[in-house]
PDB file of N, CA and C in Angstrom:
ATOM      1  N   UNK A   1      12.617   7.223  27.257  1.00  0.00           N
ATOM      2  CA  UNK A   1      13.027   7.528  25.886  1.00  0.00           C
ATOM      3  C   UNK A   1      12.992   9.034  25.765  1.00  0.00           C
ATOM      4  N   UNK A   2      14.130   9.501  25.213  1.00  0.00           N
ATOM      5  CA  UNK A   2      14.269  10.938  25.052  1.00  0.00           C
ATOM      6  C   UNK A   2      13.512  11.379  23.861  1.00  0.00           C
ATOM      7  N   UNK A   3      13.327  12.785  23.725  1.00  0.00           N
ATOM      8  CA  UNK A   3      12.531  13.289  22.671  1.00  0.00           C
ATOM      9  C   UNK A   3      13.139  13.019  21.279  1.00  0.00           C
ATOM     10  N   UNK A   4      14.443  13.085  21.151  1.00  0.00           N
ATOM     11  CA  UNK A   4      15.097  12.713  19.872  1.00  0.00           C
ATOM     12  C   UNK A   4      14.958  11.242  19.590  1.00  0.00           C
ATOM     13  N   UNK A   5      14.997  10.374  20.595  1.00  0.00           N
ATOM     14  CA  UNK A   5      14.799   8.974  20.267  1.00  0.00           C
ATOM     15  C   UNK A   5      13.343   8.661  19.896  1.00  0.00           C
ATOM     16  N   UNK A   6      12.419   9.432  20.503  1.00  0.00           N
ATOM     17  CA  UNK A   6      11.003   9.274  20.149  1.00  0.00           C
ATOM     18  C   UNK A   6      10.710   9.726  18.718  1.00  0.00           C
ATOM     19  N   UNK A   7      11.342  10.804  18.322  1.00  0.00           N
ATOM     20  CA  UNK A   7      11.235  11.301  16.947  1.00  0.00           C
ATOM     21  C   UNK A   7      11.866  10.320  15.895  1.00  0.00           C
ATOM     22  N   UNK A   8      12.997   9.749  16.273  1.00  0.00           N
ATOM     23  CA  UNK A   8      13.655   8.808  15.397  1.00  0.00           C
ATOM     24  C   UNK A   8      12.799   7.545  15.272  1.00  0.00           C
ATOM     25  N   UNK A   9      12.254   7.009  16.335  1.00  0.00           N
ATOM     26  CA  UNK A   9      11.378   5.836  16.307  1.00  0.00           C
ATOM     27  C   UNK A   9      10.184   6.135  15.488  1.00  0.00           C
ATOM     28  N   UNK A  10       9.545   7.343  15.634  1.00  0.00           N
ATOM     29  CA  UNK A  10       8.353   7.608  14.895  1.00  0.00           C
ATOM     30  C   UNK A  10       8.705   7.672  13.414  1.00  0.00           C
ATOM     31  N   UNK A  11       9.805   8.325  13.086  1.00  0.00           N
ATOM     32  CA  UNK A  11      10.217   8.460  11.652  1.00  0.00           C
ATOM     33  C   UNK A  11      10.536   7.054  11.031  1.00  0.00           C
ATOM     34  N   UNK A  12      11.149   6.212  11.795  1.00  0.00           N
ATOM     35  CA  UNK A  12      11.489   4.823  11.416  1.00  0.00           C
ATOM     36  C   UNK A  12      10.120   4.063  11.095  1.00  0.00           C
ATOM     37  N   UNK A  13       9.251   4.196  11.983  1.00  0.00           N
ATOM     38  CA  UNK A  13       7.897   3.504  11.802  1.00  0.00           C
ATOM     39  C   UNK A  13       7.208   4.078  10.556  1.00  0.00           C
ATOM     40  N   UNK A  14       7.275   5.385  10.408  1.00  0.00           N
ATOM     41  CA  UNK A  14       6.648   6.027   9.264  1.00  0.00           C
ATOM     42  C   UNK A  14       7.282   5.476   7.987  1.00  0.00           C
ATOM     43  N   UNK A  15       8.628   5.386   7.904  1.00  0.00           N
ATOM     44  CA  UNK A  15       9.299   4.946   6.777  1.00  0.00           C
ATOM     45  C   UNK A  15       9.004   3.515   6.454  1.00  0.00           C
ATOM     46  N   UNK A  16       8.810   2.719   7.490  1.00  0.00           N
ATOM     47  CA  UNK A  16       8.522   1.245   7.295  1.00  0.00           C
ATOM     48  C   UNK A  16       7.093   1.138   6.596  1.00  0.00           C
ATOM     49  N   UNK A  17       6.206   1.984   7.158  1.00  0.00           N
ATOM     50  CA  UNK A  17       4.848   2.035   6.544  1.00  0.00           C
ATOM     51  C   UNK A  17       4.842   2.484   5.112  1.00  0.00           C
ATOM     52  N   UNK A  18       5.612   3.458   4.819  1.00  0.00           N
ATOM     53  CA  UNK A  18       5.679   3.973   3.424  1.00  0.00           C
ATOM     54  C   UNK A  18       6.278   2.871   2.532  1.00  0.00           C
ATOM     55  N   UNK A  19       7.327   2.183   3.058  1.00  0.00           N
ATOM     56  CA  UNK A  19       7.961   1.176   2.263  1.00  0.00           C
ATOM     57  C   UNK A  19       7.046   0.054   1.939  1.00  0.00           C
ATOM     58  N   UNK A  20       6.256  -0.339   2.942  1.00  0.00           N
ATOM     59  CA  UNK A  20       5.263  -1.470   2.692  1.00  0.00           C
ATOM     60  C   UNK A  20       4.276  -1.044   1.611  1.00  0.00           C
ATOM     61  N   UNK A  21       3.715   0.205   1.718  1.00  0.00           N
ATOM     62  CA  UNK A  21       2.773   0.713   0.700  1.00  0.00           C
ATOM     63  C   UNK A  21       3.419   0.777  -0.671  1.00  0.00           C
ATOM     64  N   UNK A  22       4.709   1.191  -0.770  1.00  0.00           N
ATOM     65  CA  UNK A  22       5.353   1.194  -2.041  1.00  0.00           C
ATOM     66  C   UNK A  22       5.589  -0.110  -2.646  1.00  0.00           C
ATOM     67  N   UNK A  23       5.915  -1.079  -1.794  1.00  0.00           N
ATOM     68  CA  UNK A  23       6.104  -2.482  -2.329  1.00  0.00           C
ATOM     69  C   UNK A  23       4.769  -3.011  -2.806  1.00  0.00           C
ATOM     70  N   UNK A  24       3.721  -2.760  -2.126  1.00  0.00           N
ATOM     71  CA  UNK A  24       2.343  -3.264  -2.661  1.00  0.00           C
ATOM     72  C   UNK A  24       2.038  -2.594  -3.883  1.00  0.00           C
ATOM     73  N   UNK A  25       2.292  -1.277  -3.960  1.00  0.00           N
ATOM     74  CA  UNK A  25       2.020  -0.430  -5.181  1.00  0.00           C
ATOM     75  C   UNK A  25       2.840  -0.999  -6.376  1.00  0.00           C
ATOM     76  N   UNK A  26       4.099  -1.314  -6.188  1.00  0.00           N
ATOM     77  CA  UNK A  26       4.955  -1.848  -7.181  1.00  0.00           C
ATOM     78  C   UNK A  26       4.456  -3.258  -7.672  1.00  0.00           C
ATOM     79  N   UNK A  27       4.175  -4.076  -6.657  1.00  0.00           N
ATOM     80  CA  UNK A  27       3.794  -5.489  -7.114  1.00  0.00           C
ATOM     81  C   UNK A  27       2.536  -5.470  -7.894  1.00  0.00           C
ATOM     82  N   UNK A  28       1.506  -4.601  -7.512  1.00  0.00           N
ATOM     83  CA  UNK A  28       0.288  -4.557  -8.145  1.00  0.00           C
ATOM     84  C   UNK A  28       0.343  -3.899  -9.538  1.00  0.00           C
ATOM     85  N   UNK A  29       0.963  -2.681  -9.575  1.00  0.00           N
ATOM     86  CA  UNK A  29       1.013  -1.984 -10.883  1.00  0.00           C
ATOM     87  C   UNK A  29       1.991  -2.574 -11.864  1.00  0.00           C
ATOM     88  N   UNK A  30       3.246  -2.819 -11.456  1.00  0.00           N
ATOM     89  CA  UNK A  30       4.255  -3.382 -12.302  1.00  0.00           C
ATOM     90  C   UNK A  30       4.195  -4.839 -12.506  1.00  0.00           C
ATOM     91  N   UNK A  31       4.077  -5.494 -11.365  1.00  0.00           N
ATOM     92  CA  UNK A  31       4.102  -7.008 -11.324  1.00  0.00           C
ATOM     93  C   UNK A  31       2.890  -7.520 -11.984  1.00  0.00           C
ATOM     94  N   UNK A  32       1.725  -7.234 -11.422  1.00  0.00           N
ATOM     95  CA  UNK A  32       0.505  -7.852 -11.985  1.00  0.00           C
ATOM     96  C   UNK A  32       0.083  -7.244 -13.298  1.00  0.00           C
ATOM     97  N   UNK A  33       0.353  -5.949 -13.404  1.00  0.00           N
ATOM     98  CA  UNK A  33      -0.135  -5.239 -14.707  1.00  0.00           C
ATOM     99  C   UNK A  33       0.783  -5.433 -15.836  1.00  0.00           C
ATOM    100  N   UNK A  34       2.039  -5.713 -15.626  1.00  0.00           N
ATOM    101  CA  UNK A  34       3.028  -5.855 -16.743  1.00  0.00           C
ATOM    102  C   UNK A  34       3.725  -7.228 -16.785  1.00  0.00           C
ATOM    103  N   UNK A  35       4.388  -7.584 -15.692  1.00  0.00           N
ATOM    104  CA  UNK A  35       5.253  -8.777 -15.678  1.00  0.00           C
ATOM    105  C   UNK A  35       4.449 -10.055 -15.614  1.00  0.00           C
ATOM    106  N   UNK A  36       3.362 -10.050 -14.878  1.00  0.00           N
ATOM    107  CA  UNK A  36       2.618 -11.330 -14.708  1.00  0.00           C
ATOM    108  C   UNK A  36       1.299 -11.328 -15.534  1.00  0.00           C
ATOM    109  N   UNK A  37       1.212 -10.349 -16.514  1.00  0.00           N
ATOM    110  CA  UNK A  37      -0.062 -10.279 -17.248  1.00  0.00           C
ATOM    111  C   UNK A  37      -0.431 -11.570 -18.036  1.00  0.00           C
ATOM    112  N   UNK A  38       0.507 -12.204 -18.553  1.00  0.00           N
ATOM    113  CA  UNK A  38       0.204 -13.438 -19.340  1.00  0.00           C
ATOM    114  C   UNK A  38      -0.262 -14.583 -18.538  1.00  0.00           C
ATOM    115  N   UNK A  39       0.362 -14.870 -17.389  1.00  0.00           N
ATOM    116  CA  UNK A  39      -0.161 -16.016 -16.586  1.00  0.00           C
ATOM    117  C   UNK A  39      -1.501 -15.593 -15.901  1.00  0.00           C
ATOM    118  N   UNK A  40      -1.688 -14.328 -15.631  1.00  0.00           N
ATOM    119  CA  UNK A  40      -2.944 -13.849 -14.987  1.00  0.00           C
ATOM    120  C   UNK A  40      -4.124 -13.895 -16.098  1.00  0.00           C
ATOM    121  N   UNK A  41      -3.764 -13.744 -17.254  1.00  0.00           N
ATOM    122  CA  UNK A  41      -4.789 -13.706 -18.342  1.00  0.00           C
ATOM    123  C   UNK A  41      -5.440 -15.118 -18.537  1.00  0.00           C
ATOM    124  N   UNK A  42      -4.860 -16.150 -17.956  1.00  0.00           N
ATOM    125  CA  UNK A  42      -5.495 -17.480 -17.922  1.00  0.00           C
ATOM    126  C   UNK A  42      -6.627 -17.626 -17.020  1.00  0.00           C
ATOM    127  N   UNK A  43      -6.791 -16.604 -16.140  1.00  0.00           N
ATOM    128  CA  UNK A  43      -7.868 -16.633 -15.187  1.00  0.00           C
ATOM    129  C   UNK A  43      -8.854 -15.491 -15.644  1.00  0.00           C
ATOM    130  N   UNK A  44     -10.158 -15.770 -15.557  1.00  0.00           N
ATOM    131  CA  UNK A  44     -11.176 -14.746 -15.955  1.00  0.00           C
ATOM    132  C   UNK A  44     -12.044 -14.400 -14.696  1.00  0.00           C
ATOM    133  N   UNK A  45     -12.345 -13.160 -14.663  1.00  0.00           N
ATOM    134  CA  UNK A  45     -13.252 -12.650 -13.645  1.00  0.00           C
ATOM    135  C   UNK A  45     -14.335 -11.807 -14.344  1.00  0.00           C
ATOM    136  N   UNK A  46     -15.503 -12.292 -14.253  1.00  0.00           N
ATOM    137  CA  UNK A  46     -16.606 -11.552 -14.950  1.00  0.00           C
ATOM    138  C   UNK A  46     -16.494 -11.393 -16.413  1.00  0.00           C
ATOM    139  N   UNK A  47     -15.888 -12.418 -17.024  1.00  0.00           N
ATOM    140  CA  UNK A  47     -15.733 -12.384 -18.461  1.00  0.00           C
ATOM    141  C   UNK A  47     -14.413 -11.703 -18.953  1.00  0.00           C
ATOM    142  N   UNK A  48     -13.740 -11.038 -17.996  1.00  0.00           N
ATOM    143  CA  UNK A  48     -12.527 -10.324 -18.375  1.00  0.00           C
ATOM    144  C   UNK A  48     -11.290 -11.108 -17.883  1.00  0.00           C
ATOM    145  N   UNK A  49     -10.167 -11.061 -18.682  1.00  0.00           N
ATOM    146  CA  UNK A  49      -8.950 -11.692 -18.253  1.00  0.00           C
ATOM    147  C   UNK A  49      -8.417 -10.957 -17.012  1.00  0.00           C
ATOM    148  N   UNK A  50      -7.862 -11.706 -16.040  1.00  0.00           N
ATOM    149  CA  UNK A  50      -7.416 -11.079 -14.782  1.00  0.00           C
ATOM    150  C   UNK A  50      -6.239 -10.149 -14.947  1.00  0.00           C
ATOM    151  N   UNK A  51      -5.366 -10.441 -15.906  1.00  0.00           N
ATOM    152  CA  UNK A  51      -4.208  -9.537 -16.191  1.00  0.00           C
ATOM    153  C   UNK A  51      -4.764  -8.173 -16.693  1.00  0.00           C
ATOM    154  N   UNK A  52      -5.668  -8.223 -17.591  1.00  0.00           N
ATOM    155  CA  UNK A  52      -6.354  -7.021 -18.054  1.00  0.00           C
ATOM    156  C   UNK A  52      -7.049  -6.304 -16.992  1.00  0.00           C
ATOM    157  N   UNK A  53      -7.762  -7.083 -16.161  1.00  0.00           N
ATOM    158  CA  UNK A  53      -8.505  -6.406 -15.084  1.00  0.00           C
ATOM    159  C   UNK A  53      -7.597  -5.731 -14.121  1.00  0.00           C
ATOM    160  N   UNK A  54      -6.455  -6.263 -13.761  1.00  0.00           N
ATOM    161  CA  UNK A  54      -5.496  -5.706 -12.753  1.00  0.00           C
ATOM    162  C   UNK A  54      -4.906  -4.455 -13.469  1.00  0.00           C
ATOM    163  N   UNK A  55      -4.609  -4.467 -14.724  1.00  0.00           N
ATOM    164  CA  UNK A  55      -3.940  -3.391 -15.436  1.00  0.00           C
ATOM    165  C   UNK A  55      -4.948  -2.183 -15.509  1.00  0.00           C
ATOM    166  N   UNK A  56      -6.189  -2.504 -15.706  1.00  0.00           N
ATOM    167  CA  UNK A  56      -7.189  -1.400 -15.939  1.00  0.00           C
ATOM    168  C   UNK A  56      -7.988  -0.961 -14.665  1.00  0.00           C
ATOM    169  N   UNK A  57      -8.426  -1.903 -13.891  1.00  0.00           N
ATOM    170  CA  UNK A  57      -9.297  -1.573 -12.741  1.00  0.00           C
ATOM    171  C   UNK A  57      -8.832  -1.988 -11.456  1.00  0.00           C
ATOM    172  N   UNK A  58      -8.216  -3.176 -11.370  1.00  0.00           N
ATOM    173  CA  UNK A  58      -7.861  -3.752 -10.061  1.00  0.00           C
ATOM    174  C   UNK A  58      -6.752  -2.940  -9.366  1.00  0.00           C
ATOM    175  N   UNK A  59      -5.831  -2.390 -10.192  1.00  0.00           N
ATOM    176  CA  UNK A  59      -4.814  -1.509  -9.549  1.00  0.00           C
ATOM    177  C   UNK A  59      -5.359  -0.258  -8.920  1.00  0.00           C
ATOM    178  N   UNK A  60      -6.441   0.251  -9.485  1.00  0.00           N
ATOM    179  CA  UNK A  60      -7.095   1.446  -8.932  1.00  0.00           C
ATOM    180  C   UNK A  60      -7.726   1.133  -7.600  1.00  0.00           C
ATOM    181  N   UNK A  61      -8.424  -0.037  -7.566  1.00  0.00           N
ATOM    182  CA  UNK A  61      -9.000  -0.390  -6.296  1.00  0.00           C
ATOM    183  C   UNK A  61      -7.945  -0.668  -5.238  1.00  0.00           C
ATOM    184  N   UNK A  62      -6.835  -1.227  -5.602  1.00  0.00           N
ATOM    185  CA  UNK A  62      -5.789  -1.540  -4.634  1.00  0.00           C
ATOM    186  C   UNK A  62      -5.210  -0.171  -4.158  1.00  0.00           C
ATOM    187  N   UNK A  63      -5.004   0.765  -5.054  1.00  0.00           N
ATOM    188  CA  UNK A  63      -4.484   2.056  -4.749  1.00  0.00           C
ATOM    189  C   UNK A  63      -5.362   2.774  -3.768  1.00  0.00           C
ATOM    190  N   UNK A  64      -6.676   2.709  -4.057  1.00  0.00           N
ATOM    191  CA  UNK A  64      -7.632   3.357  -3.035  1.00  0.00           C
ATOM    192  C   UNK A  64      -7.588   2.701  -1.678  1.00  0.00           C
ATOM    193  N   UNK A  65      -7.452   1.259  -1.717  1.00  0.00           N
ATOM    194  CA  UNK A  65      -7.318   0.596  -0.393  1.00  0.00           C
ATOM    195  C   UNK A  65      -6.083   1.016   0.311  1.00  0.00           C
ATOM    196  N   UNK A  66      -4.974   1.272  -0.492  1.00  0.00           N
ATOM    197  CA  UNK A  66      -3.690   1.660   0.145  1.00  0.00           C
ATOM    198  C   UNK A  66      -3.871   3.096   0.838  1.00  0.00           C
ATOM    199  N   UNK A  67      -4.605   3.955   0.218  1.00  0.00           N
ATOM    200  CA  UNK A  67      -4.832   5.269   0.785  1.00  0.00           C
ATOM    201  C   UNK A  67      -5.487   5.099   2.182  1.00  0.00           C
ATOM    202  N   UNK A  68      -6.559   4.370   2.250  1.00  0.00           N
ATOM    203  CA  UNK A  68      -7.253   4.141   3.522  1.00  0.00           C
ATOM    204  C   UNK A  68      -6.397   3.389   4.527  1.00  0.00           C
ATOM    205  N   UNK A  69      -5.651   2.394   4.055  1.00  0.00           N
ATOM    206  CA  UNK A  69      -4.674   1.653   4.964  1.00  0.00           C
ATOM    207  C   UNK A  69      -3.716   2.562   5.502  1.00  0.00           C
ATOM    208  N   UNK A  70      -3.012   3.409   4.620  1.00  0.00           N
ATOM    209  CA  UNK A  70      -1.991   4.298   5.107  1.00  0.00           C
ATOM    210  C   UNK A  70      -2.579   5.329   6.166  1.00  0.00           C
ATOM    211  N   UNK A  71      -3.689   5.849   5.839  1.00  0.00           N
ATOM    212  CA  UNK A  71      -4.298   6.851   6.761  1.00  0.00           C
ATOM    213  C   UNK A  71      -4.644   6.250   8.118  1.00  0.00           C
ATOM    214  N   UNK A  72      -5.159   5.056   8.130  1.00  0.00           N
ATOM    215  CA  UNK A  72      -5.564   4.374   9.466  1.00  0.00           C
ATOM    216  C   UNK A  72      -4.297   3.985  10.187  1.00  0.00           C
ATOM    217  N   UNK A  73      -3.242   3.518   9.522  1.00  0.00           N
ATOM    218  CA  UNK A  73      -1.994   3.165  10.118  1.00  0.00           C
ATOM    219  C   UNK A  73      -1.271   4.368  10.685  1.00  0.00           C
ATOM    220  N   UNK A  74      -1.285   5.522   9.971  1.00  0.00           N
ATOM    221  CA  UNK A  74      -0.665   6.743  10.391  1.00  0.00           C
ATOM    222  C   UNK A  74      -1.407   7.301  11.646  1.00  0.00           C
ATOM    223  N   UNK A  75      -2.785   7.123  11.719  1.00  0.00           N
ATOM    224  CA  UNK A  75      -3.495   7.525  12.867  1.00  0.00           C
ATOM    225  C   UNK A  75      -3.074   6.776  14.065  1.00  0.00           C
ATOM    226  N   UNK A  76      -2.865   5.451  13.889  1.00  0.00           N
ATOM    227  CA  UNK A  76      -2.386   4.578  14.958  1.00  0.00           C
ATOM    228  C   UNK A  76      -0.996   4.965  15.417  1.00  0.00           C
ATOM    229  N   UNK A  77      -0.097   5.236  14.459  1.00  0.00           N
ATOM    230  CA  UNK A  77       1.198   5.674  14.833  1.00  0.00           C
ATOM    231  C   UNK A  77       1.226   7.026  15.569  1.00  0.00           C
ATOM    232  N   UNK A  78       0.406   7.916  15.133  1.00  0.00           N
ATOM    233  CA  UNK A  78       0.333   9.221  15.782  1.00  0.00           C
ATOM    234  C   UNK A  78      -0.101   9.077  17.156  1.00  0.00           C
ATOM    235  N   UNK A  79      -1.067   8.182  17.434  1.00  0.00           N
ATOM    236  CA  UNK A  79      -1.536   8.100  18.819  1.00  0.00           C
ATOM    237  C   UNK A  79      -0.440   7.333  19.609  1.00  0.00           C
ATOM    238  N   UNK A  80       0.179   6.391  19.027  1.00  0.00           N
ATOM    239  CA  UNK A  80       1.244   5.627  19.684  1.00  0.00           C
ATOM    240  C   UNK A  80       2.404   6.538  20.204  1.00  0.00           C
ATOM    241  N   UNK A  81       2.786   7.471  19.363  1.00  0.00           N
ATOM    242  CA  UNK A  81       3.923   8.347  19.641  1.00  0.00           C
ATOM    243  C   UNK A  81       3.452   9.683  20.138  1.00  0.00           C
ATOM    244  N   UNK A  82       2.119   9.817  20.421  1.00  0.00           N
ATOM    245  CA  UNK A  82       1.481  10.967  21.110  1.00  0.00           C
ATOM    246  C   UNK A  82       1.769  12.320  20.206  1.00  0.00           C
ATOM    247  N   UNK A  83       1.599  12.153  18.891  1.00  0.00           N
ATOM    248  CA  UNK A  83       1.787  13.301  18.040  1.00  0.00           C
ATOM    249  C   UNK A  83       0.389  13.580  17.288  1.00  0.00           C
ATOM    250  N   UNK A  84      -0.681  12.987  17.703  1.00  0.00           N
ATOM    251  CA  UNK A  84      -1.987  13.101  17.044  1.00  0.00           C
ATOM    252  C   UNK A  84      -2.586  14.466  17.388  1.00  0.00           C
ATOM    253  N   UNK A  85      -3.440  14.829  16.386  1.00  0.00           N
ATOM    254  CA  UNK A  85      -4.188  16.065  16.584  1.00  0.00           C
ATOM    255  C   UNK A  85      -5.490  15.828  17.374  1.00  0.00           C
ATOM    256  N   UNK A  86      -5.840  16.723  18.245  1.00  0.00           N
ATOM    257  CA  UNK A  86      -7.088  16.545  18.968  1.00  0.00           C
ATOM    258  C   UNK A  86      -8.272  17.079  18.287  1.00  0.00           C
TER     259      UNK A  86
END
Protein backbone atom coordinates (compact mmCIF):
# COMPACT_ATOMS: atom_id res chain seq x y z
CA UNK A 1 0.00 0.00 0.00
CA UNK A 2 1.47 3.34 -1.03
CA UNK A 3 1.59 6.33 1.27
CA UNK A 4 -1.21 8.13 -0.57
CA UNK A 5 -3.40 5.01 -0.46
CA UNK A 6 -2.69 4.69 3.26
CA UNK A 7 -3.69 8.33 3.82
CA UNK A 8 -6.86 7.88 1.76
CA UNK A 9 -7.83 4.73 3.68
CA UNK A 10 -7.18 6.47 7.01
CA UNK A 11 -9.29 9.45 5.97
CA UNK A 12 -12.09 7.18 4.74
CA UNK A 13 -12.12 5.30 8.05
CA UNK A 14 -12.13 8.61 9.93
CA UNK A 15 -15.06 9.91 7.90
CA UNK A 16 -16.98 6.68 8.47
CA UNK A 17 -16.48 7.05 12.23
CA UNK A 18 -17.57 10.69 12.18
CA UNK A 19 -20.66 9.77 10.16
CA UNK A 20 -21.62 7.07 12.67
CA UNK A 21 -21.26 9.55 15.54
CA UNK A 22 -23.31 12.18 13.70
CA UNK A 23 -26.09 9.71 12.96
CA UNK A 24 -26.26 8.69 16.63
CA UNK A 25 -26.23 12.36 17.66
CA UNK A 26 -29.05 13.16 15.22
CA UNK A 27 -31.23 10.22 16.25
CA UNK A 28 -30.84 10.97 19.96
CA UNK A 29 -31.20 14.76 19.85
CA UNK A 30 -33.69 15.28 17.03
CA UNK A 31 -35.35 11.87 16.87
CA UNK A 32 -35.81 11.03 20.55
CA UNK A 33 -35.95 14.61 21.81
CA UNK A 34 -38.37 16.05 19.22
CA UNK A 35 -39.90 13.59 16.75
CA UNK A 36 -40.52 10.61 19.03
CA UNK A 37 -41.21 12.53 22.23
CA UNK A 38 -44.92 11.65 22.37
CA UNK A 39 -44.49 7.85 22.05
CA UNK A 40 -41.54 7.94 24.45
CA UNK A 41 -43.58 9.88 27.01
CA UNK A 42 -45.71 6.77 27.48
CA UNK A 43 -42.70 5.20 29.21
CA UNK A 44 -41.55 6.47 32.60
CA UNK A 45 -38.09 6.25 34.17
CA UNK A 46 -37.76 7.29 37.79
CA UNK A 47 -41.08 9.11 37.65
CA UNK A 48 -40.14 11.14 34.57
CA UNK A 49 -41.47 10.63 31.07
CA UNK A 50 -38.84 9.08 28.80
CA UNK A 51 -39.27 11.71 26.06
CA UNK A 52 -38.66 14.49 28.57
CA UNK A 53 -35.70 12.58 30.02
CA UNK A 54 -34.06 12.20 26.58
CA UNK A 55 -34.62 15.85 25.75
CA UNK A 56 -33.20 17.07 29.06
CA UNK A 57 -30.67 14.55 30.39
CA UNK A 58 -30.45 11.44 28.26
CA UNK A 59 -29.03 13.22 25.26
CA UNK A 60 -26.24 14.71 27.39
CA UNK A 61 -25.26 11.24 28.62
CA UNK A 62 -25.29 9.91 25.06
CA UNK A 63 -23.14 12.84 23.88
CA UNK A 64 -20.61 12.17 26.64
CA UNK A 65 -20.58 8.52 25.63
CA UNK A 66 -19.99 9.54 22.02
CA UNK A 67 -16.95 11.55 23.04
CA UNK A 68 -15.36 8.55 24.74
CA UNK A 69 -16.40 6.25 21.90
CA UNK A 70 -14.89 8.57 19.28
CA UNK A 71 -11.64 8.96 21.23
CA UNK A 72 -11.19 5.22 21.71
CA UNK A 73 -12.01 4.42 18.09
CA UNK A 74 -9.64 7.11 16.82
CA UNK A 75 -6.88 5.67 19.00
CA UNK A 76 -7.49 2.29 17.39
CA UNK A 77 -7.47 3.82 13.91
CA UNK A 78 -4.27 5.72 14.66
CA UNK A 79 -2.53 2.51 15.74
CA UNK A 80 -3.92 0.59 12.78
CA UNK A 81 -2.57 3.13 10.28
CA UNK A 82 0.58 3.80 12.34
CA UNK A 83 -0.07 7.49 12.87
CA UNK A 84 -0.35 7.34 16.66
CA UNK A 85 1.66 9.48 19.02
CA UNK A 86 4.14 7.75 21.28
